[in-house]
Amino acid sequence: MITQNNNNRNIDPEKVTAERLNGYAALFGCIALVGAYATTGQIIPGFV
């Protein structure tokens, strides 16, 4: 017996855009973290 499951989900384009923007912001934060560590040697510059 073959069961077909047709779950067609409609995802709002606004949510896709928001998640993509969130991903870009997270990547930028990681790159900034690595850059700050490479230049100063501290994870959070100025914080002891």
C-alpha atoms as a PDB file:
ATOM      1  CA  MET A   1       0.000   0.000   0.000  1.00  0.00           C
ATOM      2  CA  ILE A   2       1.466   3.340  -1.053  1.00  0.00           C
ATOM      3  CA  THR A   3       0.722   6.363   1.077  1.00  0.00           C
ATOM      4  CA  GLN A   4       1.111   9.780  -0.453  1.00  0.00           C
ATOM      5  CA  ASN A   5       1.625  12.707   1.851  1.00  0.00           C
ATOM      6  CA  ASN A   6       1.079  16.000   0.097  1.00  0.00           C
ATOM      7  CA  ASN A   7       1.977  18.689   2.602  1.00  0.00           C
ATOM      8  CA  ASN A   8       2.171  21.824   0.532  1.00  0.00           C
ATOM      9  CA  ARG A   9       3.372  24.585   2.813  1.00  0.00           C
ATOM     10  CA  ASN A  10       3.073  28.180   1.805  1.00  0.00           C
ATOM     11  CA  ILE A  11       5.856  30.166   3.425  1.00  0.00           C
ATOM     12  CA  ASP A  12       5.487  33.926   3.502  1.00  0.00           C
ATOM     13  CA  PRO A  13       8.152  35.725   1.464  1.00  0.00           C
ATOM     14  CA  GLU A  14       8.572  38.191   4.343  1.00  0.00           C
ATOM     15  CA  LYS A  15       9.630  35.362   6.662  1.00  0.00           C
ATOM     16  CA  VAL A  16      12.134  34.051   4.138  1.00  0.00           C
ATOM     17  CA  THR A  17      13.615  37.532   3.775  1.00  0.00           C
ATOM     18  CA  ALA A  18      13.734  38.029   7.544  1.00  0.00           C
ATOM     19  CA  GLU A  19      15.505  34.706   8.107  1.00  0.00           C
ATOM     20  CA  ARG A  20      18.009  35.428   5.347  1.00  0.00           C
ATOM     21  CA  LEU A  21      18.740  38.863   6.834  1.00  0.00           C
ATOM     22  CA  ASN A  22      19.151  37.282  10.262  1.00  0.00           C
ATOM     23  CA  GLY A  23      21.635  34.818   8.813  1.00  0.00           C
ATOM     24  CA  TYR A  24      23.634  37.599   7.177  1.00  0.00           C
ATOM     25  CA  ALA A  25      23.729  39.507  10.477  1.00  0.00           C
ATOM     26  CA  ALA A  26      24.948  36.401  12.310  1.00  0.00           C
ATOM     27  CA  LEU A  27      27.684  35.820   9.734  1.00  0.00           C
ATOM     28  CA  PHE A  28      28.742  39.461   9.960  1.00  0.00           C
ATOM     29  CA  GLY A  29      28.924  39.143  13.752  1.00  0.00           C
ATOM     30  CA  CYS A  30      31.104  36.045  13.519  1.00  0.00           C
ATOM     31  CA  ILE A  31      33.423  37.730  11.032  1.00  0.00           C
ATOM     32  CA  ALA A  32      33.631  40.817  13.275  1.00  0.00           C
ATOM     33  CA  LEU A  33      34.446  38.561  16.244  1.00  0.00           C
ATOM     34  CA  VAL A  34      37.281  36.874  14.371  1.00  0.00           C
ATOM     35  CA  GLY A  35      38.553  40.239  13.131  1.00  0.00           C
ATOM     36  CA  ALA A  36      38.536  41.735  16.623  1.00  0.00           C
ATOM     37  CA  TYR A  37      40.358  38.720  18.015  1.00  0.00           C
ATOM     38  CA  ALA A  38      42.936  38.804  15.218  1.00  0.00           C
ATOM     39  CA  THR A  39      43.719  42.501  15.695  1.00  0.00           C
ATOM     40  CA  THR A  40      43.552  42.868  19.482  1.00  0.00           C
ATOM     41  CA  GLY A  41      43.920  39.343  20.862  1.00  0.00           C
ATOM     42  CA  GLN A  42      40.771  39.772  22.937  1.00  0.00           C
ATOM     43  CA  ILE A  43      37.301  38.382  22.297  1.00  0.00           C
ATOM     44  CA  ILE A  44      35.658  41.643  23.448  1.00  0.00           C
ATOM     45  CA  PRO A  45      38.151  44.516  23.071  1.00  0.00           C
ATOM     46  CA  GLY A  46      38.223  46.786  26.126  1.00  0.00           C
ATOM     47  CA  PHE A  47      36.515  44.259  28.397  1.00  0.00           C
ATOM     48  CA  VAL A  48      38.919  42.782  30.923  1.00  0.00           C
END
